[in-house]
Protein backbone atom coordinates (compact mmCIF):
# COMPACT_ATOMS: atom_id res chain seq x y z
CA MET A 1 -0.06 0.19 0.20
CA LYS A 2 1.42 3.76 -0.70
CA VAL A 3 1.15 6.34 1.83
CA ILE A 4 1.94 10.16 1.69
CA LEU A 5 4.30 10.58 5.28
CA ASN A 6 2.54 13.88 7.15
CA GLU A 7 5.50 13.24 9.56
CA ASN A 8 9.21 12.31 9.65
CA ILE A 9 9.44 8.77 10.31
CA GLU A 10 13.43 7.39 10.79
CA THR A 11 12.48 4.15 8.96
CA LEU A 12 10.33 5.04 5.82
CA GLY A 13 11.28 8.66 4.99
CA HIS A 14 10.37 12.72 5.00
CA ILE A 15 7.38 14.91 5.44
CA GLY A 16 5.72 14.75 1.74
CA ASP A 17 7.90 10.89 0.68
CA ILE A 18 5.81 8.94 -1.32
CA VAL A 19 6.11 4.92 0.11
CA LYS A 20 5.01 1.93 0.29
CA VAL A 21 4.03 -0.24 3.35
CA ALA A 22 2.43 -3.24 4.38
CA PRO A 23 -1.54 -2.77 4.47
CA GLY A 24 -1.15 -3.37 8.14
CA TYR A 25 1.36 -1.24 9.31
CA ALA A 26 -0.73 1.59 7.28
CA ARG A 27 -3.92 0.50 8.33
CA ASN A 28 -3.20 -0.33 11.99
CA TYR A 29 -0.33 2.16 13.29
CA LEU A 30 0.44 5.06 10.04
CA LEU A 31 -3.38 6.08 9.33
CA PRO A 32 -4.68 6.22 12.84
CA LYS A 33 -2.11 8.30 13.99
CA LYS A 34 -2.12 10.60 11.68
CA LEU A 35 1.49 9.88 10.52
CA ALA A 36 0.43 9.35 6.77
CA VAL A 37 -2.32 9.80 4.55
CA PRO A 38 -3.61 7.05 1.51
CA ALA A 39 -1.79 7.71 -1.75
CA THR A 40 -4.85 9.08 -3.69
CA GLU A 41 -4.73 10.99 -6.61
CA LYS A 42 -5.99 13.94 -4.27
CA ASN A 43 -3.96 13.86 -1.60
CA ALA A 44 -1.19 14.32 -3.66
CA LYS A 45 -2.33 16.67 -5.51
CA ALA A 46 -3.08 18.87 -2.21
CA LEU A 47 0.47 17.56 -0.85
CA GLU A 48 1.62 19.36 -4.55
CA HIS A 49 -0.08 22.19 -3.59
CA ALA A 50 0.70 22.70 0.23
CA LYS A 51 4.57 22.43 -0.95
CA ARG A 52 3.76 25.50 -3.61
CA GLN A 53 2.01 27.63 -0.90
CA MET A 54 5.31 26.71 1.62
CA ALA A 55 7.69 27.86 -1.50
CA TYR A 56 5.71 30.81 -2.12
CA LYS A 57 5.60 32.05 1.66
CA LYS A 58 9.52 31.22 1.71
CA ASN A 59 10.55 33.52 -1.13
CA LYS A 60 8.16 36.01 0.10
CA ALA A 61 9.80 36.14 3.50
CA LEU A 62 13.09 36.08 1.75
CA GLU A 63 12.26 38.90 -0.34
CA SER A 64 10.98 41.38 2.97
CA ALA A 65 14.25 40.20 4.64
CA LYS A 66 16.29 41.51 1.65
CA MET A 67 14.49 44.70 1.87
CA LEU A 68 14.94 44.80 5.66
CA ALA A 69 18.35 44.39 5.22
CA GLU A 70 19.35 47.15 2.55
CA LYS A 71 17.36 49.38 5.27
CA LEU A 72 18.96 48.28 7.58
CA GLY A 73 22.54 48.54 6.38
CA ALA A 74 22.11 52.23 5.10
CA GLN A 75 21.20 53.00 8.91
CA ALA A 76 23.43 54.50 11.34
CA ILE A 77 23.34 54.25 15.05
CA THR A 78 25.10 56.74 17.06
CA LEU A 79 25.19 56.28 20.68
CA THR A 80 26.14 58.39 23.93
CA HIS A 81 27.33 57.27 27.03
CA LYS A 82 28.96 58.86 30.02
CA CYS A 83 32.72 57.76 30.01
CA GLY A 84 36.08 58.09 31.71
CA GLU A 85 39.72 58.51 30.92
CA GLU A 86 40.42 57.45 27.72
CA GLY A 87 37.05 57.07 26.56
CA LYS A 88 36.71 54.02 28.30
CA LEU A 89 32.42 53.90 29.20
CA PHE A 90 30.87 53.36 32.39
CA GLY A 91 29.02 50.20 31.66
CA SER A 92 28.77 48.94 27.87
CA VAL A 93 27.07 48.99 25.09
CA THR A 94 24.42 45.85 24.67
CA ASN A 95 21.96 44.72 22.07
CA MET A 96 19.35 45.82 23.91
CA GLU A 97 20.03 49.35 23.32
CA ILE A 98 20.85 49.02 19.82
CA ALA A 99 17.47 47.42 19.85
CA ALA A 100 15.70 50.04 21.62
CA PHE A 101 17.38 52.55 18.93
CA LEU A 102 15.85 51.00 16.27
CA ARG A 103 12.36 50.68 17.44
CA ASP A 104 12.57 54.39 17.89
CA LYS A 105 13.35 54.58 14.02
CA GLY A 106 10.38 52.33 13.08
CA PHE A 107 12.50 48.65 13.08
CA GLU A 108 11.19 46.26 14.89
CA ILE A 109 14.07 43.93 15.71
CA ASP A 110 14.17 41.23 18.42
CA ARG A 111 17.44 41.83 20.44
CA LYS A 112 18.32 38.63 20.41
CA LYS A 113 18.92 38.46 16.79
CA ILE A 114 21.71 41.43 16.88
CA VAL A 115 24.88 40.28 17.58
CA LEU A 116 27.89 42.01 18.76
CA GLU A 117 31.48 40.77 18.04
CA ASP A 118 32.97 41.83 21.56
CA ALA A 119 31.71 44.02 24.12
CA ILE A 120 31.56 47.32 23.30
CA LYS A 121 33.30 49.32 26.48
CA HIS A 122 34.72 52.41 24.64
CA THR A 123 34.09 55.27 22.44
CA GLY A 124 34.47 54.89 18.27
CA ASP A 125 32.81 53.00 15.52
CA PHE A 126 31.66 49.57 15.72
CA THR A 127 29.99 46.87 13.87
CA ALA A 128 27.12 44.72 14.34
CA THR A 129 25.55 41.66 12.85
CA VAL A 130 21.49 41.65 12.97
CA LYS A 131 20.43 37.95 11.74
CA ILE A 132 17.05 39.12 10.15
CA HIS A 133 16.38 35.62 8.36
CA PRO A 134 18.37 32.31 8.17
CA GLU A 135 20.05 33.46 4.74
CA VAL A 136 20.35 37.31 5.48
CA THR A 137 22.11 38.88 7.69
CA ALA A 138 22.77 42.80 7.97
CA THR A 139 25.80 44.82 9.02
CA ILE A 140 24.61 47.95 10.59
CA LYS A 141 27.62 50.41 12.04
CA VAL A 142 27.34 51.31 15.74
CA THR A 143 29.38 54.89 16.54
CA VAL A 144 29.52 55.40 20.36
CA SER A 145 30.26 58.88 21.76
CA ALA A 146 31.34 60.55 25.06
CA ALA A 147 28.05 62.25 26.85
């Protein structure tokens, strides 16, 4: 009996695979647990339609992430902090402060997606990476000046 898998099953295959199994295995285990559906023409067409929709949504998300990356790349961040001798900051600049600055400028970026190479503990110019999408990252310039 041929079935279309709804879940990843180690011994059979991945989601969307059409596999041939024993009728009892399909009837008694896969179908009741909703791990698979019978491989009918209707179910195959529904699977193809779902795959097309997922691909379309993925491409849309990728395009919007690329546009956001371009806008973020053009954004310059300037933060002022109290500092001591030789431009050393009292404390450090964190990704939370950068996220708050971006939020004020109209960008909704989660602070966990902002990656700083090293802790920013003195004045100067630095770069931060924003992971917008698994395939898209943006580099932003952060300038820290004395208050």
